[in-house]
PDB file of N, CA and C in Angstrom:
ATOM      1  N   MET A   1      32.643   4.495 -32.918  1.00  0.00           N
ATOM      2  CA  MET A   1      31.478   3.950 -33.561  1.00  0.00           C
ATOM      3  C   MET A   1      31.044   2.637 -32.884  1.00  0.00           C
ATOM      4  N   THR A   2      32.025   1.807 -32.538  1.00  0.00           N
ATOM      5  CA  THR A   2      31.710   0.534 -31.885  1.00  0.00           C
ATOM      6  C   THR A   2      31.097   0.776 -30.509  1.00  0.00           C
ATOM      7  N   ALA A   3      31.636   1.753 -29.789  1.00  0.00           N
ATOM      8  CA  ALA A   3      31.096   2.068 -28.463  1.00  0.00           C
ATOM      9  C   ALA A   3      29.647   2.542 -28.575  1.00  0.00           C
ATOM     10  N   LEU A   4      29.355   3.341 -29.569  1.00  0.00           N
ATOM     11  CA  LEU A   4      27.989   3.811 -29.774  1.00  0.00           C
ATOM     12  C   LEU A   4      27.057   2.645 -30.080  1.00  0.00           C
ATOM     13  N   LEU A   5      27.500   1.726 -30.896  1.00  0.00           N
ATOM     14  CA  LEU A   5      26.701   0.547 -31.226  1.00  0.00           C
ATOM     15  C   LEU A   5      26.451  -0.317 -29.984  1.00  0.00           C
ATOM     16  N   VAL A   6      27.457  -0.442 -29.136  1.00  0.00           N
ATOM     17  CA  VAL A   6      27.304  -1.216 -27.895  1.00  0.00           C
ATOM     18  C   VAL A   6      26.290  -0.546 -26.985  1.00  0.00           C
ATOM     19  N   PHE A   7      26.349   0.752 -26.826  1.00  0.00           N
ATOM     20  CA  PHE A   7      25.395   1.465 -25.975  1.00  0.00           C
ATOM     21  C   PHE A   7      23.984   1.373 -26.529  1.00  0.00           C
ATOM     22  N   ILE A   8      23.823   1.458 -27.833  1.00  0.00           N
ATOM     23  CA  ILE A   8      22.495   1.321 -28.435  1.00  0.00           C
ATOM     24  C   ILE A   8      21.954  -0.090 -28.195  1.00  0.00           C
ATOM     25  N   ALA A   9      22.794  -1.095 -28.304  1.00  0.00           N
ATOM     26  CA  ALA A   9      22.374  -2.471 -28.049  1.00  0.00           C
ATOM     27  C   ALA A   9      21.986  -2.660 -26.577  1.00  0.00           C
ATOM     28  N   LEU A  10      22.737  -2.046 -25.675  1.00  0.00           N
ATOM     29  CA  LEU A  10      22.404  -2.137 -24.253  1.00  0.00           C
ATOM     30  C   LEU A  10      21.075  -1.457 -23.950  1.00  0.00           C
ATOM     31  N   ILE A  11      20.840  -0.315 -24.547  1.00  0.00           N
ATOM     32  CA  ILE A  11      19.571   0.394 -24.333  1.00  0.00           C
ATOM     33  C   ILE A  11      18.412  -0.436 -24.878  1.00  0.00           C
ATOM     34  N   ALA A  12      18.584  -1.014 -26.064  1.00  0.00           N
ATOM     35  CA  ALA A  12      17.528  -1.853 -26.644  1.00  0.00           C
ATOM     36  C   ALA A  12      17.256  -3.073 -25.771  1.00  0.00           C
ATOM     37  N   ALA A  13      18.294  -3.692 -25.262  1.00  0.00           N
ATOM     38  CA  ALA A  13      18.116  -4.854 -24.385  1.00  0.00           C
ATOM     39  C   ALA A  13      17.412  -4.448 -23.091  1.00  0.00           C
ATOM     40  N   ASN A  14      17.758  -3.286 -22.563  1.00  0.00           N
ATOM     41  CA  ASN A  14      17.132  -2.804 -21.340  1.00  0.00           C
ATOM     42  C   ASN A  14      15.646  -2.543 -21.562  1.00  0.00           C
ATOM     43  N   VAL A  15      15.286  -1.932 -22.662  1.00  0.00           N
ATOM     44  CA  VAL A  15      13.881  -1.661 -22.967  1.00  0.00           C
ATOM     45  C   VAL A  15      13.120  -2.973 -23.146  1.00  0.00           C
ATOM     46  N   ALA A  16      13.700  -3.905 -23.870  1.00  0.00           N
ATOM     47  CA  ALA A  16      13.046  -5.197 -24.088  1.00  0.00           C
ATOM     48  C   ALA A  16      12.839  -5.936 -22.766  1.00  0.00           C
ATOM     49  N   TYR A  17      13.830  -5.919 -21.895  1.00  0.00           N
ATOM     50  CA  TYR A  17      13.697  -6.591 -20.609  1.00  0.00           C
ATOM     51  C   TYR A  17      12.656  -5.889 -19.739  1.00  0.00           C
ATOM     52  N   SER A  18      12.605  -4.572 -19.784  1.00  0.00           N
ATOM     53  CA  SER A  18      11.620  -3.834 -18.996  1.00  0.00           C
ATOM     54  C   SER A  18      10.200  -4.181 -19.419  1.00  0.00           C
ATOM     55  N   ILE A  19       9.974  -4.295 -20.710  1.00  0.00           N
ATOM     56  CA  ILE A  19       8.651  -4.669 -21.206  1.00  0.00           C
ATOM     57  C   ILE A  19       8.310  -6.091 -20.762  1.00  0.00           C
ATOM     58  N   HIS A  20       9.255  -6.994 -20.908  1.00  0.00           N
ATOM     59  CA  HIS A  20       9.039  -8.390 -20.494  1.00  0.00           C
ATOM     60  C   HIS A  20       8.764  -8.473 -18.993  1.00  0.00           C
ATOM     61  N   ASP A  21       9.524  -7.756 -18.192  1.00  0.00           N
ATOM     62  CA  ASP A  21       9.367  -7.788 -16.742  1.00  0.00           C
ATOM     63  C   ASP A  21       8.026  -7.189 -16.320  1.00  0.00           C
ATOM     64  N   ALA A  22       7.600  -6.135 -16.981  1.00  0.00           N
ATOM     65  CA  ALA A  22       6.310  -5.514 -16.652  1.00  0.00           C
ATOM     66  C   ALA A  22       5.162  -6.486 -16.922  1.00  0.00           C
ATOM     67  N   ARG A  23       5.239  -7.219 -18.022  1.00  0.00           N
ATOM     68  CA  ARG A  23       4.202  -8.207 -18.326  1.00  0.00           C
ATOM     69  C   ARG A  23       4.209  -9.339 -17.310  1.00  0.00           C
ATOM     70  N   ARG A  24       5.375  -9.776 -16.917  1.00  0.00           N
ATOM     71  CA  ARG A  24       5.475 -10.855 -15.928  1.00  0.00           C
ATOM     72  C   ARG A  24       4.923 -10.408 -14.582  1.00  0.00           C
ATOM     73  N   CYS A  25       5.233  -9.184 -14.194  1.00  0.00           N
ATOM     74  CA  CYS A  25       4.727  -8.661 -12.921  1.00  0.00           C
ATOM     75  C   CYS A  25       3.212  -8.527 -12.949  1.00  0.00           C
ATOM     76  N   GLU A  26       2.656  -8.124 -14.082  1.00  0.00           N
ATOM     77  CA  GLU A  26       1.207  -8.013 -14.215  1.00  0.00           C
ATOM     78  C   GLU A  26       0.556  -9.391 -14.069  1.00  0.00           C
ATOM     79  N   THR A  27       1.131 -10.396 -14.674  1.00  0.00           N
ATOM     80  CA  THR A  27       0.602 -11.756 -14.553  1.00  0.00           C
ATOM     81  C   THR A  27       0.696 -12.243 -13.105  1.00  0.00           C
ATOM     82  N   ASP A  28       1.810 -11.975 -12.449  1.00  0.00           N
ATOM     83  CA  ASP A  28       1.958 -12.362 -11.042  1.00  0.00           C
ATOM     84  C   ASP A  28       0.925 -11.666 -10.162  1.00  0.00           C
ATOM     85  N   ARG A  29       0.662 -10.393 -10.431  1.00  0.00           N
ATOM     86  CA  ARG A  29      -0.315  -9.642  -9.647  1.00  0.00           C
ATOM     87  C   ARG A  29      -1.707 -10.228  -9.850  1.00  0.00           C
ATOM     88  N   GLN A  30      -2.049 -10.583 -11.078  1.00  0.00           N
ATOM     89  CA  GLN A  30      -3.358 -11.176 -11.344  1.00  0.00           C
ATOM     90  C   GLN A  30      -3.510 -12.519 -10.643  1.00  0.00           C
ATOM     91  N   MET A  31      -2.452 -13.320 -10.631  1.00  0.00           N
ATOM     92  CA  MET A  31      -2.521 -14.612  -9.937  1.00  0.00           C
ATOM     93  C   MET A  31      -2.647 -14.414  -8.429  1.00  0.00           C
ATOM     94  N   ASP A  32      -1.930 -13.442  -7.870  1.00  0.00           N
ATOM     95  CA  ASP A  32      -2.057 -13.148  -6.443  1.00  0.00           C
ATOM     96  C   ASP A  32      -3.479 -12.713  -6.096  1.00  0.00           C
ATOM     97  N   ASP A  33      -4.075 -11.870  -6.944  1.00  0.00           N
ATOM     98  CA  ASP A  33      -5.455 -11.447  -6.716  1.00  0.00           C
ATOM     99  C   ASP A  33      -6.412 -12.635  -6.767  1.00  0.00           C
ATOM    100  N   PHE A  34      -6.210 -13.521  -7.731  1.00  0.00           N
ATOM    101  CA  PHE A  34      -7.064 -14.697  -7.859  1.00  0.00           C
ATOM    102  C   PHE A  34      -6.977 -15.562  -6.608  1.00  0.00           C
ATOM    103  N   TYR A  35      -5.756 -15.864  -6.158  1.00  0.00           N
ATOM    104  CA  TYR A  35      -5.604 -16.722  -4.990  1.00  0.00           C
ATOM    105  C   TYR A  35      -6.116 -16.045  -3.720  1.00  0.00           C
ATOM    106  N   ARG A  36      -5.983 -14.725  -3.626  1.00  0.00           N
ATOM    107  CA  ARG A  36      -6.508 -14.003  -2.459  1.00  0.00           C
ATOM    108  C   ARG A  36      -8.027 -14.126  -2.406  1.00  0.00           C
ATOM    109  N   VAL A  37      -8.694 -13.950  -3.539  1.00  0.00           N
ATOM    110  CA  VAL A  37     -10.144 -14.056  -3.590  1.00  0.00           C
ATOM    111  C   VAL A  37     -10.589 -15.484  -3.292  1.00  0.00           C
ATOM    112  N   GLU A  38      -9.920 -16.467  -3.882  1.00  0.00           N
ATOM    113  CA  GLU A  38     -10.290 -17.852  -3.629  1.00  0.00           C
ATOM    114  C   GLU A  38     -10.067 -18.230  -2.165  1.00  0.00           C
ATOM    115  N   TYR A  39      -9.008 -17.704  -1.562  1.00  0.00           N
ATOM    116  CA  TYR A  39      -8.758 -17.983  -0.143  1.00  0.00           C
ATOM    117  C   TYR A  39      -9.893 -17.414   0.704  1.00  0.00           C
ATOM    118  N   LYS A  40     -10.308 -16.183   0.390  1.00  0.00           N
ATOM    119  CA  LYS A  40     -11.398 -15.576   1.158  1.00  0.00           C
ATOM    120  C   LYS A  40     -12.696 -16.348   0.982  1.00  0.00           C
ATOM    121  N   LYS A  41     -12.954 -16.834  -0.238  1.00  0.00           N
ATOM    122  CA  LYS A  41     -14.170 -17.618  -0.470  1.00  0.00           C
ATOM    123  C   LYS A  41     -14.141 -18.910   0.334  1.00  0.00           C
ATOM    124  N   THR A  42     -12.973 -19.540   0.380  1.00  0.00           N
ATOM    125  CA  THR A  42     -12.873 -20.850   1.014  1.00  0.00           C
ATOM    126  C   THR A  42     -12.775 -20.754   2.524  1.00  0.00           C
ATOM    127  N   TYR A  43     -11.862 -19.934   3.006  1.00  0.00           N
ATOM    128  CA  TYR A  43     -11.585 -19.907   4.447  1.00  0.00           C
ATOM    129  C   TYR A  43     -12.282 -18.779   5.181  1.00  0.00           C
ATOM    130  N   GLY A  44     -12.742 -17.763   4.477  1.00  0.00           N
ATOM    131  CA  GLY A  44     -13.420 -16.645   5.131  1.00  0.00           C
ATOM    132  C   GLY A  44     -14.699 -17.076   5.804  1.00  0.00           C
ATOM    133  N   LEU A  45     -15.492 -17.892   5.132  1.00  0.00           N
ATOM    134  CA  LEU A  45     -16.735 -18.365   5.715  1.00  0.00           C
ATOM    135  C   LEU A  45     -16.470 -19.295   6.895  1.00  0.00           C
ATOM    136  N   ARG A  46     -15.438 -20.110   6.788  1.00  0.00           N
ATOM    137  CA  ARG A  46     -15.118 -21.020   7.901  1.00  0.00           C
ATOM    138  C   ARG A  46     -14.735 -20.233   9.147  1.00  0.00           C
ATOM    139  N   ASP A  47     -13.986 -19.137   8.974  1.00  0.00           N
ATOM    140  CA  ASP A  47     -13.603 -18.324  10.128  1.00  0.00           C
ATOM    141  C   ASP A  47     -14.817 -17.661  10.759  1.00  0.00           C
ATOM    142  N   GLU A  48     -15.741 -17.166   9.931  1.00  0.00           N
ATOM    143  CA  GLU A  48     -16.943 -16.542  10.473  1.00  0.00           C
ATOM    144  C   GLU A  48     -17.799 -17.559  11.212  1.00  0.00           C
ATOM    145  N   GLU A  49     -17.920 -18.751  10.647  1.00  0.00           N
ATOM    146  CA  GLU A  49     -18.695 -19.799  11.310  1.00  0.00           C
ATOM    147  C   GLU A  49     -18.052 -20.193  12.642  1.00  0.00           C
ATOM    148  N   ALA A  50     -16.749 -20.249  12.685  1.00  0.00           N
ATOM    149  CA  ALA A  50     -16.057 -20.599  13.932  1.00  0.00           C
ATOM    150  C   ALA A  50     -16.274 -19.516  14.979  1.00  0.00           C
ATOM    151  N   ASN A  51     -16.238 -18.254  14.566  1.00  0.00           N
ATOM    152  CA  ASN A  51     -16.474 -17.171  15.521  1.00  0.00           C
ATOM    153  C   ASN A  51     -17.896 -17.219  16.075  1.00  0.00           C
ATOM    154  N   LEU A  52     -18.860 -17.527  15.225  1.00  0.00           N
ATOM    155  CA  LEU A  52     -20.243 -17.633  15.704  1.00  0.00           C
ATOM    156  C   LEU A  52     -20.410 -18.824  16.642  1.00  0.00           C
ATOM    157  N   ALA A  53     -19.790 -19.934  16.321  1.00  0.00           N
ATOM    158  CA  ALA A  53     -19.899 -21.123  17.163  1.00  0.00           C
ATOM    159  C   ALA A  53     -19.201 -20.932  18.503  1.00  0.00           C
ATOM    160  N   ASN A  54     -18.100 -20.200  18.530  1.00  0.00           N
ATOM    161  CA  ASN A  54     -17.364 -19.994  19.777  1.00  0.00           C
ATOM    162  C   ASN A  54     -17.924 -18.835  20.587  1.00  0.00           C
ATOM    163  N   GLY A  55     -18.804 -18.053  20.019  1.00  0.00           N
ATOM    164  CA  GLY A  55     -19.313 -16.872  20.724  1.00  0.00           C
ATOM    165  C   GLY A  55     -20.660 -17.090  21.383  1.00  0.00           C
ATOM    166  N   TRP A  56     -21.042 -18.326  21.656  1.00  0.00           N
ATOM    167  CA  TRP A  56     -22.348 -18.596  22.222  1.00  0.00           C
ATOM    168  C   TRP A  56     -22.440 -18.232  23.697  1.00  0.00           C
ATOM    169  N   TYR A  57     -21.292 -18.177  24.362  1.00  0.00           N
ATOM    170  CA  TYR A  57     -21.310 -17.917  25.805  1.00  0.00           C
ATOM    171  C   TYR A  57     -21.105 -16.477  26.126  1.00  0.00           C
TER     172      TYR A  57
END
């Protein structure tokens, strides 16, 4: 009976951690997307301008 209770507790802990980890990964993915877009807004135009300025010859 004790072994069964331990296994049930382990399964419950595993499910709880999986839910927590999935939410954390989703938040990390959203932050990565945000920073990727902001990087492109900030540095993407500078790179294009540099290519145009260096391509005059």
